[in-house]
PDB file of N, CA and C in Angstrom:
ATOM      1  N   MET A   1     -48.655  22.196  39.833  1.00  0.00           N
ATOM      2  CA  MET A   1     -49.010  20.834  40.167  1.00  0.00           C
ATOM      3  C   MET A   1     -50.526  20.679  40.111  1.00  0.00           C
ATOM      4  N   ASN A   2     -50.987  19.644  39.445  1.00  0.00           N
ATOM      5  CA  ASN A   2     -52.425  19.419  39.392  1.00  0.00           C
ATOM      6  C   ASN A   2     -52.847  18.425  40.481  1.00  0.00           C
ATOM      7  N   LYS A   3     -54.144  18.251  40.626  1.00  0.00           N
ATOM      8  CA  LYS A   3     -54.637  17.444  41.744  1.00  0.00           C
ATOM      9  C   LYS A   3     -54.279  15.968  41.607  1.00  0.00           C
ATOM     10  N   ASP A   4     -54.134  15.453  40.385  1.00  0.00           N
ATOM     11  CA  ASP A   4     -53.717  14.061  40.223  1.00  0.00           C
ATOM     12  C   ASP A   4     -52.290  13.855  40.720  1.00  0.00           C
ATOM     13  N   GLN A   5     -51.436  14.817  40.460  1.00  0.00           N
ATOM     14  CA  GLN A   5     -50.061  14.721  40.944  1.00  0.00           C
ATOM     15  C   GLN A   5     -50.022  14.713  42.468  1.00  0.00           C
ATOM     16  N   VAL A   6     -50.774  15.601  43.077  1.00  0.00           N
ATOM     17  CA  VAL A   6     -50.787  15.714  44.535  1.00  0.00           C
ATOM     18  C   VAL A   6     -51.368  14.454  45.170  1.00  0.00           C
ATOM     19  N   LYS A   7     -52.537  14.041  44.690  1.00  0.00           N
ATOM     20  CA  LYS A   7     -53.185  12.855  45.249  1.00  0.00           C
ATOM     21  C   LYS A   7     -52.304  11.610  45.069  1.00  0.00           C
ATOM     22  N   GLY A   8     -51.683  11.504  43.917  1.00  0.00           N
ATOM     23  CA  GLY A   8     -50.807  10.360  43.652  1.00  0.00           C
ATOM     24  C   GLY A   8     -49.624  10.318  44.594  1.00  0.00           C
ATOM     25  N   ARG A   9     -49.014  11.462  44.826  1.00  0.00           N
ATOM     26  CA  ARG A   9     -47.852  11.501  45.718  1.00  0.00           C
ATOM     27  C   ARG A   9     -48.256  11.197  47.167  1.00  0.00           C
ATOM     28  N   VAL A  10     -49.441  11.661  47.564  1.00  0.00           N
ATOM     29  CA  VAL A  10     -49.946  11.375  48.910  1.00  0.00           C
ATOM     30  C   VAL A  10     -50.178   9.869  49.061  1.00  0.00           C
ATOM     31  N   GLU A  11     -50.778   9.256  48.048  1.00  0.00           N
ATOM     32  CA  GLU A  11     -51.021   7.811  48.104  1.00  0.00           C
ATOM     33  C   GLU A  11     -49.712   7.033  48.141  1.00  0.00           C
ATOM     34  N   GLU A  12     -48.694   7.504  47.417  1.00  0.00           N
ATOM     35  CA  GLU A  12     -47.376   6.864  47.462  1.00  0.00           C
ATOM     36  C   GLU A  12     -46.824   6.852  48.883  1.00  0.00           C
ATOM     37  N   VAL A  13     -46.904   7.990  49.552  1.00  0.00           N
ATOM     38  CA  VAL A  13     -46.378   8.105  50.913  1.00  0.00           C
ATOM     39  C   VAL A  13     -47.164   7.216  51.873  1.00  0.00           C
ATOM     40  N   LYS A  14     -48.490   7.252  51.773  1.00  0.00           N
ATOM     41  CA  LYS A  14     -49.316   6.419  52.649  1.00  0.00           C
ATOM     42  C   LYS A  14     -49.015   4.939  52.419  1.00  0.00           C
ATOM     43  N   GLY A  15     -48.837   4.563  51.170  1.00  0.00           N
ATOM     44  CA  GLY A  15     -48.518   3.180  50.844  1.00  0.00           C
ATOM     45  C   GLY A  15     -47.172   2.766  51.395  1.00  0.00           C
ATOM     46  N   LYS A  16     -46.192   3.647  51.291  1.00  0.00           N
ATOM     47  CA  LYS A  16     -44.848   3.343  51.809  1.00  0.00           C
ATOM     48  C   LYS A  16     -44.896   3.156  53.319  1.00  0.00           C
ATOM     49  N   VAL A  17     -45.662   3.990  54.012  1.00  0.00           N
ATOM     50  CA  VAL A  17     -45.792   3.866  55.466  1.00  0.00           C
ATOM     51  C   VAL A  17     -46.406   2.508  55.821  1.00  0.00           C
ATOM     52  N   LYS A  18     -47.467   2.126  55.117  1.00  0.00           N
ATOM     53  CA  LYS A  18     -48.107   0.832  55.374  1.00  0.00           C
ATOM     54  C   LYS A  18     -47.142  -0.318  55.084  1.00  0.00           C
ATOM     55  N   GLU A  19     -46.407  -0.188  53.998  1.00  0.00           N
ATOM     56  CA  GLU A  19     -45.464  -1.235  53.610  1.00  0.00           C
ATOM     57  C   GLU A  19     -44.397  -1.435  54.688  1.00  0.00           C
ATOM     58  N   VAL A  20     -43.832  -0.351  55.166  1.00  0.00           N
ATOM     59  CA  VAL A  20     -42.792  -0.426  56.198  1.00  0.00           C
ATOM     60  C   VAL A  20     -43.380  -0.936  57.514  1.00  0.00           C
ATOM     61  N   ALA A  21     -44.568  -0.446  57.866  1.00  0.00           N
ATOM     62  CA  ALA A  21     -45.205  -0.894  59.104  1.00  0.00           C
ATOM     63  C   ALA A  21     -45.494  -2.392  59.039  1.00  0.00           C
ATOM     64  N   GLY A  22     -45.984  -2.857  57.927  1.00  0.00           N
ATOM     65  CA  GLY A  22     -46.251  -4.285  57.768  1.00  0.00           C
ATOM     66  C   GLY A  22     -45.000  -5.115  57.883  1.00  0.00           C
ATOM     67  N   ASP A  23     -43.906  -4.611  57.335  1.00  0.00           N
ATOM     68  CA  ASP A  23     -42.621  -5.307  57.421  1.00  0.00           C
ATOM     69  C   ASP A  23     -42.122  -5.350  58.862  1.00  0.00           C
ATOM     70  N   LEU A  24     -42.268  -4.233  59.557  1.00  0.00           N
ATOM     71  CA  LEU A  24     -41.783  -4.163  60.942  1.00  0.00           C
ATOM     72  C   LEU A  24     -42.525  -5.102  61.886  1.00  0.00           C
ATOM     73  N   VAL A  25     -43.828  -5.203  61.711  1.00  0.00           N
ATOM     74  CA  VAL A  25     -44.616  -6.047  62.615  1.00  0.00           C
ATOM     75  C   VAL A  25     -44.811  -7.463  62.068  1.00  0.00           C
ATOM     76  N   GLY A  26     -44.303  -7.725  60.885  1.00  0.00           N
ATOM     77  CA  GLY A  26     -44.415  -9.056  60.305  1.00  0.00           C
ATOM     78  C   GLY A  26     -45.785  -9.361  59.731  1.00  0.00           C
ATOM     79  N   ASN A  27     -46.518  -8.338  59.340  1.00  0.00           N
ATOM     80  CA  ASN A  27     -47.854  -8.500  58.774  1.00  0.00           C
ATOM     81  C   ASN A  27     -47.742  -8.404  57.249  1.00  0.00           C
ATOM     82  N   LYS A  28     -47.669  -9.545  56.591  1.00  0.00           N
ATOM     83  CA  LYS A  28     -47.495  -9.571  55.135  1.00  0.00           C
ATOM     84  C   LYS A  28     -48.683  -8.940  54.403  1.00  0.00           C
ATOM     85  N   SER A  29     -49.877  -9.105  54.937  1.00  0.00           N
ATOM     86  CA  SER A  29     -51.072  -8.533  54.313  1.00  0.00           C
ATOM     87  C   SER A  29     -50.974  -7.007  54.260  1.00  0.00           C
ATOM     88  N   LEU A  30     -50.580  -6.398  55.365  1.00  0.00           N
ATOM     89  CA  LEU A  30     -50.427  -4.937  55.420  1.00  0.00           C
ATOM     90  C   LEU A  30     -49.296  -4.482  54.510  1.00  0.00           C
ATOM     91  N   GLU A  31     -48.240  -5.266  54.465  1.00  0.00           N
ATOM     92  CA  GLU A  31     -47.098  -4.931  53.615  1.00  0.00           C
ATOM     93  C   GLU A  31     -47.503  -4.932  52.136  1.00  0.00           C
ATOM     94  N   VAL A  32     -48.243  -5.944  51.730  1.00  0.00           N
ATOM     95  CA  VAL A  32     -48.698  -6.028  50.340  1.00  0.00           C
ATOM     96  C   VAL A  32     -49.700  -4.917  50.033  1.00  0.00           C
ATOM     97  N   GLU A  33     -50.601  -4.644  50.977  1.00  0.00           N
ATOM     98  CA  GLU A  33     -51.572  -3.562  50.791  1.00  0.00           C
ATOM     99  C   GLU A  33     -50.838  -2.235  50.577  1.00  0.00           C
ATOM    100  N   GLY A  34     -49.790  -2.004  51.344  1.00  0.00           N
ATOM    101  CA  GLY A  34     -48.998  -0.787  51.189  1.00  0.00           C
ATOM    102  C   GLY A  34     -48.302  -0.728  49.847  1.00  0.00           C
ATOM    103  N   LEU A  35     -47.782  -1.854  49.401  1.00  0.00           N
ATOM    104  CA  LEU A  35     -47.110  -1.907  48.106  1.00  0.00           C
ATOM    105  C   LEU A  35     -48.082  -1.586  46.975  1.00  0.00           C
ATOM    106  N   VAL A  36     -49.283  -2.136  47.050  1.00  0.00           N
ATOM    107  CA  VAL A  36     -50.302  -1.865  46.037  1.00  0.00           C
ATOM    108  C   VAL A  36     -50.694  -0.392  46.064  1.00  0.00           C
ATOM    109  N   GLN A  37     -50.891   0.164  47.253  1.00  0.00           N
ATOM    110  CA  GLN A  37     -51.281   1.564  47.378  1.00  0.00           C
ATOM    111  C   GLN A  37     -50.172   2.477  46.851  1.00  0.00           C
ATOM    112  N   LYS A  38     -48.933   2.129  47.147  1.00  0.00           N
ATOM    113  CA  LYS A  38     -47.799   2.923  46.675  1.00  0.00           C
ATOM    114  C   LYS A  38     -47.723   2.894  45.149  1.00  0.00           C
ATOM    115  N   THR A  39     -47.923   1.728  44.567  1.00  0.00           N
ATOM    116  CA  THR A  39     -47.883   1.592  43.111  1.00  0.00           C
ATOM    117  C   THR A  39     -49.031   2.357  42.453  1.00  0.00           C
ATOM    118  N   THR A  40     -50.198   2.269  43.042  1.00  0.00           N
ATOM    119  CA  THR A  40     -51.352   3.016  42.533  1.00  0.00           C
ATOM    120  C   THR A  40     -51.070   4.519  42.574  1.00  0.00           C
ATOM    121  N   GLY A  41     -50.454   4.970  43.651  1.00  0.00           N
ATOM    122  CA  GLY A  41     -50.098   6.381  43.771  1.00  0.00           C
ATOM    123  C   GLY A  41     -49.112   6.818  42.703  1.00  0.00           C
ATOM    124  N   LYS A  42     -48.140   5.949  42.407  1.00  0.00           N
ATOM    125  CA  LYS A  42     -47.167   6.276  41.361  1.00  0.00           C
ATOM    126  C   LYS A  42     -47.846   6.411  40.005  1.00  0.00           C
ATOM    127  N   ILE A  43     -48.797   5.525  39.746  1.00  0.00           N
ATOM    128  CA  ILE A  43     -49.518   5.583  38.474  1.00  0.00           C
ATOM    129  C   ILE A  43     -50.337   6.870  38.383  1.00  0.00           C
ATOM    130  N   GLN A  44     -51.022   7.213  39.456  1.00  0.00           N
ATOM    131  CA  GLN A  44     -51.842   8.428  39.459  1.00  0.00           C
ATOM    132  C   GLN A  44     -50.958   9.672  39.308  1.00  0.00           C
ATOM    133  N   ALA A  45     -49.820   9.686  39.991  1.00  0.00           N
ATOM    134  CA  ALA A  45     -48.906  10.823  39.864  1.00  0.00           C
ATOM    135  C   ALA A  45     -48.362  10.915  38.444  1.00  0.00           C
ATOM    136  N   GLY A  46     -48.068   9.762  37.847  1.00  0.00           N
ATOM    137  CA  GLY A  46     -47.587   9.739  36.465  1.00  0.00           C
ATOM    138  C   GLY A  46     -48.635  10.266  35.503  1.00  0.00           C
ATOM    139  N   LEU A  47     -49.878   9.924  35.751  1.00  0.00           N
ATOM    140  CA  LEU A  47     -50.977  10.443  34.934  1.00  0.00           C
ATOM    141  C   LEU A  47     -51.054  11.966  35.072  1.00  0.00           C
ATOM    142  N   GLY A  48     -50.915  12.440  36.289  1.00  0.00           N
ATOM    143  CA  GLY A  48     -50.918  13.884  36.518  1.00  0.00           C
ATOM    144  C   GLY A  48     -49.757  14.571  35.819  1.00  0.00           C
ATOM    145  N   ASP A  49     -48.582  13.916  35.850  1.00  0.00           N
ATOM    146  CA  ASP A  49     -47.416  14.468  35.159  1.00  0.00           C
ATOM    147  C   ASP A  49     -47.675  14.551  33.655  1.00  0.00           C
ATOM    148  N   ALA A  50     -48.280  13.502  33.113  1.00  0.00           N
ATOM    149  CA  ALA A  50     -48.570  13.471  31.672  1.00  0.00           C
ATOM    150  C   ALA A  50     -49.571  14.569  31.303  1.00  0.00           C
ATOM    151  N   LYS A  51     -50.585  14.761  32.155  1.00  0.00           N
ATOM    152  CA  LYS A  51     -51.563  15.833  31.904  1.00  0.00           C
ATOM    153  C   LYS A  51     -50.876  17.187  31.916  1.00  0.00           C
ATOM    154  N   SER A  52     -49.975  17.381  32.863  1.00  0.00           N
ATOM    155  CA  SER A  52     -49.270  18.645  32.982  1.00  0.00           C
ATOM    156  C   SER A  52     -48.405  18.907  31.748  1.00  0.00           C
ATOM    157  N   GLU A  53     -47.717  17.882  31.279  1.00  0.00           N
ATOM    158  CA  GLU A  53     -46.884  18.021  30.083  1.00  0.00           C
ATOM    159  C   GLU A  53     -47.730  18.301  28.848  1.00  0.00           C
ATOM    160  N   ALA A  54     -48.870  17.615  28.757  1.00  0.00           N
ATOM    161  CA  ALA A  54     -49.754  17.824  27.605  1.00  0.00           C
ATOM    162  C   ALA A  54     -50.267  19.261  27.594  1.00  0.00           C
ATOM    163  N   LYS A  55     -50.571  19.777  28.771  1.00  0.00           N
ATOM    164  CA  LYS A  55     -51.070  21.142  28.872  1.00  0.00           C
ATOM    165  C   LYS A  55     -50.004  22.159  28.438  1.00  0.00           C
ATOM    166  N   LYS A  56     -48.740  21.855  28.773  1.00  0.00           N
ATOM    167  CA  LYS A  56     -47.639  22.758  28.398  1.00  0.00           C
ATOM    168  C   LYS A  56     -47.439  22.806  26.888  1.00  0.00           C
ATOM    169  N   THR A  57     -47.623  21.670  26.225  1.00  0.00           N
ATOM    170  CA  THR A  57     -47.385  21.611  24.784  1.00  0.00           C
ATOM    171  C   THR A  57     -48.524  22.240  23.977  1.00  0.00           C
ATOM    172  N   LEU A  58     -49.689  22.350  24.605  1.00  0.00           N
ATOM    173  CA  LEU A  58     -50.824  22.932  23.870  1.00  0.00           C
ATOM    174  C   LEU A  58     -50.864  24.380  24.047  1.00  0.00           C
TER     175      LEU A  58
END
């Protein structure tokens, strides 16, 4: 696992926590912030996955 994969997965989890917390307390701003953070984490993890695959093929 490379650092982009790890950082991306951590951001996904943090975003999901914010999203759920925002939903529970009725704070739409926090919920949206969590959704954005979760999506950003998925993109970063995907980039890390792509780097890892590229490294395997070379």
